[in-house]
All heavy atoms as atom14 arrays in JSON, in Angstrom:
{
  "sequence": "QYADYIKENKAFLDANKTKEGVQTTPSGLQYKI",
  "atom14_mask": [
    [1, 1, 1, 1, 1, 1, 1, 1, 1, 0, 0, 0, 0, 0],
    [1, 1, 1, 1, 1, 1, 1, 1, 1, 1, 1, 1, 0, 0],
    [1, 1, 1, 1, 1, 0, 0, 0, 0, 0, 0, 0, 0, 0],
    [1, 1, 1, 1, 1, 1, 1, 1, 0, 0, 0, 0, 0, 0],
    [1, 1, 1, 1, 1, 1, 1, 1, 1, 1, 1, 1, 0, 0],
    [1, 1, 1, 1, 1, 1, 1, 1, 0, 0, 0, 0, 0, 0],
    [1, 1, 1, 1, 1, 1, 1, 1, 1, 0, 0, 0, 0, 0],
    [1, 1, 1, 1, 1, 1, 1, 1, 1, 0, 0, 0, 0, 0],
    [1, 1, 1, 1, 1, 1, 1, 1, 0, 0, 0, 0, 0, 0],
    [1, 1, 1, 1, 1, 1, 1, 1, 1, 0, 0, 0, 0, 0],
    [1, 1, 1, 1, 1, 0, 0, 0, 0, 0, 0, 0, 0, 0],
    [1, 1, 1, 1, 1, 1, 1, 1, 1, 1, 1, 0, 0, 0],
    [1, 1, 1, 1, 1, 1, 1, 1, 0, 0, 0, 0, 0, 0],
    [1, 1, 1, 1, 1, 1, 1, 1, 0, 0, 0, 0, 0, 0],
    [1, 1, 1, 1, 1, 0, 0, 0, 0, 0, 0, 0, 0, 0],
    [1, 1, 1, 1, 1, 1, 1, 1, 0, 0, 0, 0, 0, 0],
    [1, 1, 1, 1, 1, 1, 1, 1, 1, 0, 0, 0, 0, 0],
    [1, 1, 1, 1, 1, 1, 1, 0, 0, 0, 0, 0, 0, 0],
    [1, 1, 1, 1, 1, 1, 1, 1, 1, 0, 0, 0, 0, 0],
    [1, 1, 1, 1, 1, 1, 1, 1, 1, 0, 0, 0, 0, 0],
    [1, 1, 1, 1, 0, 0, 0, 0, 0, 0, 0, 0, 0, 0],
    [1, 1, 1, 1, 1, 1, 1, 0, 0, 0, 0, 0, 0, 0],
    [1, 1, 1, 1, 1, 1, 1, 1, 1, 0, 0, 0, 0, 0],
    [1, 1, 1, 1, 1, 1, 1, 0, 0, 0, 0, 0, 0, 0],
    [1, 1, 1, 1, 1, 1, 1, 0, 0, 0, 0, 0, 0, 0],
    [1, 1, 1, 1, 1, 1, 1, 0, 0, 0, 0, 0, 0, 0],
    [1, 1, 1, 1, 1, 1, 0, 0, 0, 0, 0, 0, 0, 0],
    [1, 1, 1, 1, 0, 0, 0, 0, 0, 0, 0, 0, 0, 0],
    [1, 1, 1, 1, 1, 1, 1, 1, 0, 0, 0, 0, 0, 0],
    [1, 1, 1, 1, 1, 1, 1, 1, 1, 0, 0, 0, 0, 0],
    [1, 1, 1, 1, 1, 1, 1, 1, 1, 1, 1, 1, 0, 0],
    [1, 1, 1, 1, 1, 1, 1, 1, 1, 0, 0, 0, 0, 0],
    [1, 1, 1, 1, 1, 1, 1, 1, 0, 0, 0, 0, 0, 0]
  ],
  "atom14_positions": [
    [[70.65, 80.73, 67.75], [71.58, 81.84, 67.49], [72.84, 81.36, 66.76], [73.37, 82.05, 65.89], [71.96, 82.49, 68.82], [72.93, 83.66, 68.69], [73.32, 84.23, 70.05], [72.73, 83.9, 71.08], [74.32, 85.09, 70.06], [0.0, 0.0, 0.0], [0.0, 0.0, 0.0], [0.0, 0.0, 0.0], [0.0, 0.0, 0.0], [0.0, 0.0, 0.0]],
    [[73.33, 80.16, 67.13], [74.58, 79.66, 66.57], [74.35, 78.53, 65.56], [75.24, 77.72, 65.33], [75.49, 79.15, 67.69], [76.12, 80.24, 68.5], [75.51, 80.71, 69.67], [77.32, 80.82, 68.12], [76.08, 81.72, 70.42], [77.91, 81.82, 68.87], [77.29, 82.28, 70.02], [77.86, 83.28, 70.76], [0.0, 0.0, 0.0], [0.0, 0.0, 0.0]],
    [[73.16, 78.5, 64.96], [72.81, 77.4, 64.04], [73.84, 77.21, 62.93], [74.26, 76.08, 62.65], [71.43, 77.65, 63.45], [0.0, 0.0, 0.0], [0.0, 0.0, 0.0], [0.0, 0.0, 0.0], [0.0, 0.0, 0.0], [0.0, 0.0, 0.0], [0.0, 0.0, 0.0], [0.0, 0.0, 0.0], [0.0, 0.0, 0.0], [0.0, 0.0, 0.0]],
    [[74.25, 78.29, 62.29], [75.23, 78.18, 61.2], [76.57, 77.69, 61.7], [77.25, 76.89, 61.03], [75.39, 79.54, 60.5], [74.15, 79.96, 59.74], [73.32, 79.08, 59.44], [74.0, 81.16, 59.45], [0.0, 0.0, 0.0], [0.0, 0.0, 0.0], [0.0, 0.0, 0.0], [0.0, 0.0, 0.0], [0.0, 0.0, 0.0], [0.0, 0.0, 0.0]],
    [[76.98, 78.15, 62.86], [78.27, 77.76, 63.43], [78.25, 76.29, 63.83], [79.24, 75.57, 63.65], [78.59, 78.63, 64.64], [79.98, 78.45, 65.2], [81.1, 78.75, 64.44], [80.16, 77.99, 66.5], [82.38, 78.59, 64.96], [81.43, 77.83, 67.03], [82.54, 78.14, 66.25], [83.79, 77.98, 66.77], [0.0, 0.0, 0.0], [0.0, 0.0, 0.0]],
    [[77.12, 75.82, 64.35], [76.98, 74.41, 64.71], [77.12, 73.54, 63.46], [77.81, 72.51, 63.47], [75.62, 74.16, 65.39], [75.59, 74.82, 66.77], [75.34, 72.67, 65.53], [74.23, 74.81, 67.43], [0.0, 0.0, 0.0], [0.0, 0.0, 0.0], [0.0, 0.0, 0.0], [0.0, 0.0, 0.0], [0.0, 0.0, 0.0], [0.0, 0.0, 0.0]],
    [[76.48, 73.94, 62.37], [76.57, 73.21, 61.11], [78.01, 73.17, 60.6], [78.5, 72.15, 60.11], [75.67, 73.84, 60.05], [74.19, 73.64, 60.3], [73.37, 74.33, 59.22], [71.87, 74.19, 59.47], [71.07, 74.91, 58.45], [0.0, 0.0, 0.0], [0.0, 0.0, 0.0], [0.0, 0.0, 0.0], [0.0, 0.0, 0.0], [0.0, 0.0, 0.0]],
    [[78.7, 74.3, 60.72], [80.09, 74.41, 60.26], [80.99, 73.44, 61.04], [81.85, 72.76, 60.46], [80.57, 75.85, 60.45], [81.97, 76.13, 59.96], [82.39, 77.56, 60.23], [81.53, 78.39, 60.6], [83.6, 77.85, 60.08], [0.0, 0.0, 0.0], [0.0, 0.0, 0.0], [0.0, 0.0, 0.0], [0.0, 0.0, 0.0], [0.0, 0.0, 0.0]],
    [[80.8, 73.36, 62.34], [81.61, 72.47, 63.17], [81.29, 71.0, 62.9], [82.19, 70.16, 62.88], [81.42, 72.81, 64.65], [82.24, 74.0, 65.11], [83.3, 73.84, 65.68], [81.74, 75.19, 64.84], [0.0, 0.0, 0.0], [0.0, 0.0, 0.0], [0.0, 0.0, 0.0], [0.0, 0.0, 0.0], [0.0, 0.0, 0.0], [0.0, 0.0, 0.0]],
    [[80.01, 70.71, 62.69], [79.63, 69.33, 62.37], [80.22, 68.9, 61.04], [80.72, 67.76, 60.89], [78.1, 69.2, 62.33], [77.62, 67.77, 62.11], [76.1, 67.71, 62.09], [75.61, 66.26, 61.95], [76.15, 65.58, 60.77], [0.0, 0.0, 0.0], [0.0, 0.0, 0.0], [0.0, 0.0, 0.0], [0.0, 0.0, 0.0], [0.0, 0.0, 0.0]],
    [[80.19, 69.79, 60.07], [80.74, 69.49, 58.75], [82.25, 69.22, 58.85], [82.78, 68.32, 58.18], [80.48, 70.64, 57.79], [0.0, 0.0, 0.0], [0.0, 0.0, 0.0], [0.0, 0.0, 0.0], [0.0, 0.0, 0.0], [0.0, 0.0, 0.0], [0.0, 0.0, 0.0], [0.0, 0.0, 0.0], [0.0, 0.0, 0.0], [0.0, 0.0, 0.0]],
    [[82.92, 69.98, 59.69], [84.36, 69.77, 59.89], [84.63, 68.38, 60.43], [85.49, 67.65, 59.94], [84.92, 70.82, 60.85], [86.33, 70.54, 61.28], [87.41, 70.96, 60.51], [86.59, 69.83, 62.45], [88.72, 70.66, 60.89], [87.9, 69.53, 62.84], [88.96, 69.96, 62.05], [0.0, 0.0, 0.0], [0.0, 0.0, 0.0], [0.0, 0.0, 0.0]],
    [[83.88, 67.98, 61.48], [84.1, 66.67, 62.1], [83.75, 65.54, 61.14], [84.44, 64.52, 61.1], [83.27, 66.56, 63.38], [83.76, 67.4, 64.56], [82.73, 67.42, 65.68], [85.1, 66.87, 65.08], [0.0, 0.0, 0.0], [0.0, 0.0, 0.0], [0.0, 0.0, 0.0], [0.0, 0.0, 0.0], [0.0, 0.0, 0.0], [0.0, 0.0, 0.0]],
    [[82.67, 65.72, 60.38], [82.26, 64.69, 59.41], [83.34, 64.47, 58.37], [83.63, 63.33, 57.97], [80.95, 65.09, 58.73], [79.75, 64.95, 59.65], [79.88, 64.29, 60.7], [78.7, 65.53, 59.33], [0.0, 0.0, 0.0], [0.0, 0.0, 0.0], [0.0, 0.0, 0.0], [0.0, 0.0, 0.0], [0.0, 0.0, 0.0], [0.0, 0.0, 0.0]],
    [[83.96, 65.56, 57.91], [85.02, 65.45, 56.9], [86.32, 64.94, 57.52], [87.04, 64.13, 56.93], [85.25, 66.81, 56.24], [0.0, 0.0, 0.0], [0.0, 0.0, 0.0], [0.0, 0.0, 0.0], [0.0, 0.0, 0.0], [0.0, 0.0, 0.0], [0.0, 0.0, 0.0], [0.0, 0.0, 0.0], [0.0, 0.0, 0.0], [0.0, 0.0, 0.0]],
    [[86.58, 65.38, 58.74], [87.86, 65.05, 59.38], [87.97, 63.56, 59.71], [89.05, 62.97, 59.6], [88.01, 65.87, 60.66], [89.39, 65.76, 61.27], [90.37, 66.23, 60.68], [89.49, 65.15, 62.43], [0.0, 0.0, 0.0], [0.0, 0.0, 0.0], [0.0, 0.0, 0.0], [0.0, 0.0, 0.0], [0.0, 0.0, 0.0], [0.0, 0.0, 0.0]],
    [[86.86, 62.93, 60.08], [86.93, 61.52, 60.49], [87.25, 60.57, 59.35], [87.61, 59.41, 59.58], [85.62, 61.11, 61.17], [84.42, 61.04, 60.25], [83.17, 60.67, 61.05], [81.94, 60.62, 60.16], [80.71, 60.33, 60.96], [0.0, 0.0, 0.0], [0.0, 0.0, 0.0], [0.0, 0.0, 0.0], [0.0, 0.0, 0.0], [0.0, 0.0, 0.0]],
    [[87.15, 61.07, 58.12], [87.47, 60.24, 56.95], [88.93, 60.38, 56.53], [89.38, 59.67, 55.63], [86.56, 60.62, 55.76], [86.86, 61.98, 55.35], [85.09, 60.51, 56.12], [0.0, 0.0, 0.0], [0.0, 0.0, 0.0], [0.0, 0.0, 0.0], [0.0, 0.0, 0.0], [0.0, 0.0, 0.0], [0.0, 0.0, 0.0], [0.0, 0.0, 0.0]],
    [[89.66, 61.28, 57.18], [91.05, 61.52, 56.79], [91.95, 60.4, 57.3], [91.68, 59.76, 58.32], [91.53, 62.87, 57.33], [90.83, 64.06, 56.69], [91.37, 65.37, 57.24], [90.68, 66.57, 56.58], [91.15, 67.86, 57.12], [0.0, 0.0, 0.0], [0.0, 0.0, 0.0], [0.0, 0.0, 0.0], [0.0, 0.0, 0.0], [0.0, 0.0, 0.0]],
    [[93.03, 60.2, 56.58], [93.96, 59.13, 56.92], [94.54, 59.33, 58.32], [94.98, 60.43, 58.67], [95.09, 59.09, 55.89], [96.06, 57.94, 56.1], [97.16, 57.9, 55.04], [97.11, 58.73, 54.11], [98.06, 57.05, 55.17], [0.0, 0.0, 0.0], [0.0, 0.0, 0.0], [0.0, 0.0, 0.0], [0.0, 0.0, 0.0], [0.0, 0.0, 0.0]],
    [[94.52, 58.28, 59.1], [95.13, 58.3, 60.43], [94.22, 58.77, 61.53], [94.55, 58.62, 62.72], [0.0, 0.0, 0.0], [0.0, 0.0, 0.0], [0.0, 0.0, 0.0], [0.0, 0.0, 0.0], [0.0, 0.0, 0.0], [0.0, 0.0, 0.0], [0.0, 0.0, 0.0], [0.0, 0.0, 0.0], [0.0, 0.0, 0.0], [0.0, 0.0, 0.0]],
    [[93.06, 59.33, 61.2], [92.13, 59.83, 62.22], [91.26, 58.69, 62.72], [90.64, 57.97, 61.93], [91.26, 60.98, 61.68], [90.23, 61.39, 62.73], [92.13, 62.16, 61.29], [0.0, 0.0, 0.0], [0.0, 0.0, 0.0], [0.0, 0.0, 0.0], [0.0, 0.0, 0.0], [0.0, 0.0, 0.0], [0.0, 0.0, 0.0], [0.0, 0.0, 0.0]],
    [[91.2, 58.52, 64.02], [90.37, 57.49, 64.65], [89.28, 58.16, 65.47], [89.47, 59.27, 65.99], [91.23, 56.6, 65.56], [92.37, 55.91, 64.81], [93.19, 55.02, 65.71], [92.66, 54.1, 66.34], [94.5, 55.27, 65.78], [0.0, 0.0, 0.0], [0.0, 0.0, 0.0], [0.0, 0.0, 0.0], [0.0, 0.0, 0.0], [0.0, 0.0, 0.0]],
    [[88.14, 57.49, 65.59], [86.99, 58.04, 66.31], [86.56, 57.06, 67.38], [86.37, 55.87, 67.11], [85.81, 58.31, 65.35], [86.24, 59.17, 64.29], [84.67, 58.99, 66.1], [0.0, 0.0, 0.0], [0.0, 0.0, 0.0], [0.0, 0.0, 0.0], [0.0, 0.0, 0.0], [0.0, 0.0, 0.0], [0.0, 0.0, 0.0], [0.0, 0.0, 0.0]],
    [[86.37, 57.55, 68.6], [85.92, 56.71, 69.72], [84.39, 56.72, 69.76], [83.74, 57.58, 69.12], [86.47, 57.23, 71.05], [85.82, 58.47, 71.38], [87.97, 57.44, 70.98], [0.0, 0.0, 0.0], [0.0, 0.0, 0.0], [0.0, 0.0, 0.0], [0.0, 0.0, 0.0], [0.0, 0.0, 0.0], [0.0, 0.0, 0.0], [0.0, 0.0, 0.0]],
    [[83.77, 55.8, 70.5], [82.3, 55.78, 70.59], [81.7, 57.09, 71.1], [80.56, 57.42, 70.76], [82.03, 54.64, 71.58], [83.19, 53.72, 71.42], [84.37, 54.62, 71.17], [0.0, 0.0, 0.0], [0.0, 0.0, 0.0], [0.0, 0.0, 0.0], [0.0, 0.0, 0.0], [0.0, 0.0, 0.0], [0.0, 0.0, 0.0], [0.0, 0.0, 0.0]],
    [[82.44, 57.87, 71.89], [81.92, 59.14, 72.41], [81.88, 60.24, 71.36], [81.22, 61.26, 71.54], [82.78, 59.61, 73.59], [84.05, 60.05, 73.13], [0.0, 0.0, 0.0], [0.0, 0.0, 0.0], [0.0, 0.0, 0.0], [0.0, 0.0, 0.0], [0.0, 0.0, 0.0], [0.0, 0.0, 0.0], [0.0, 0.0, 0.0], [0.0, 0.0, 0.0]],
    [[82.63, 60.04, 70.26], [82.72, 61.06, 69.22], [84.06, 61.76, 69.2], [84.33, 62.57, 68.3], [0.0, 0.0, 0.0], [0.0, 0.0, 0.0], [0.0, 0.0, 0.0], [0.0, 0.0, 0.0], [0.0, 0.0, 0.0], [0.0, 0.0, 0.0], [0.0, 0.0, 0.0], [0.0, 0.0, 0.0], [0.0, 0.0, 0.0], [0.0, 0.0, 0.0]],
    [[84.94, 61.47, 70.16], [86.28, 62.03, 70.15], [87.06, 61.52, 68.95], [87.05, 60.32, 68.67], [87.01, 61.64, 71.44], [88.5, 62.0, 71.51], [88.69, 63.5, 71.59], [89.16, 61.3, 72.68], [0.0, 0.0, 0.0], [0.0, 0.0, 0.0], [0.0, 0.0, 0.0], [0.0, 0.0, 0.0], [0.0, 0.0, 0.0], [0.0, 0.0, 0.0]],
    [[87.73, 62.43, 68.24], [88.59, 62.04, 67.13], [90.04, 62.35, 67.49], [90.31, 63.35, 68.16], [88.2, 62.81, 65.86], [86.79, 62.52, 65.37], [86.42, 63.34, 64.14], [87.27, 63.97, 63.51], [85.14, 63.31, 63.78], [0.0, 0.0, 0.0], [0.0, 0.0, 0.0], [0.0, 0.0, 0.0], [0.0, 0.0, 0.0], [0.0, 0.0, 0.0]],
    [[90.94, 61.47, 67.07], [92.35, 61.71, 67.38], [93.24, 61.1, 66.3], [92.86, 60.16, 65.61], [92.73, 61.16, 68.76], [92.67, 59.65, 68.89], [93.82, 58.88, 68.71], [91.47, 59.0, 69.18], [93.76, 57.49, 68.84], [91.42, 57.61, 69.31], [92.57, 56.87, 69.13], [92.51, 55.5, 69.25], [0.0, 0.0, 0.0], [0.0, 0.0, 0.0]],
    [[94.45, 61.64, 66.21], [95.45, 61.12, 65.28], [96.76, 61.01, 66.03], [97.18, 61.97, 66.7], [95.59, 62.05, 64.07], [96.61, 61.56, 63.05], [96.55, 62.37, 61.76], [96.99, 63.8, 61.97], [97.03, 64.56, 60.69], [0.0, 0.0, 0.0], [0.0, 0.0, 0.0], [0.0, 0.0, 0.0], [0.0, 0.0, 0.0], [0.0, 0.0, 0.0]],
    [[97.4, 59.87, 65.95], [98.67, 59.65, 66.64], [99.81, 60.22, 65.8], [100.03, 59.78, 64.67], [98.9, 58.15, 66.93], [97.78, 57.61, 67.82], [100.27, 57.92, 67.57], [97.84, 56.1, 68.03], [0.0, 0.0, 0.0], [0.0, 0.0, 0.0], [0.0, 0.0, 0.0], [0.0, 0.0, 0.0], [0.0, 0.0, 0.0], [0.0, 0.0, 0.0]]
  ]
}
């Protein structure tokens, strides 16, 4: 039911982790100080 929304969120995370200052933990959590 939410296939498109899942793809949209995954695409966001994939793009976000490459941004300056963003760090990713082994669990998949991303954060910026």
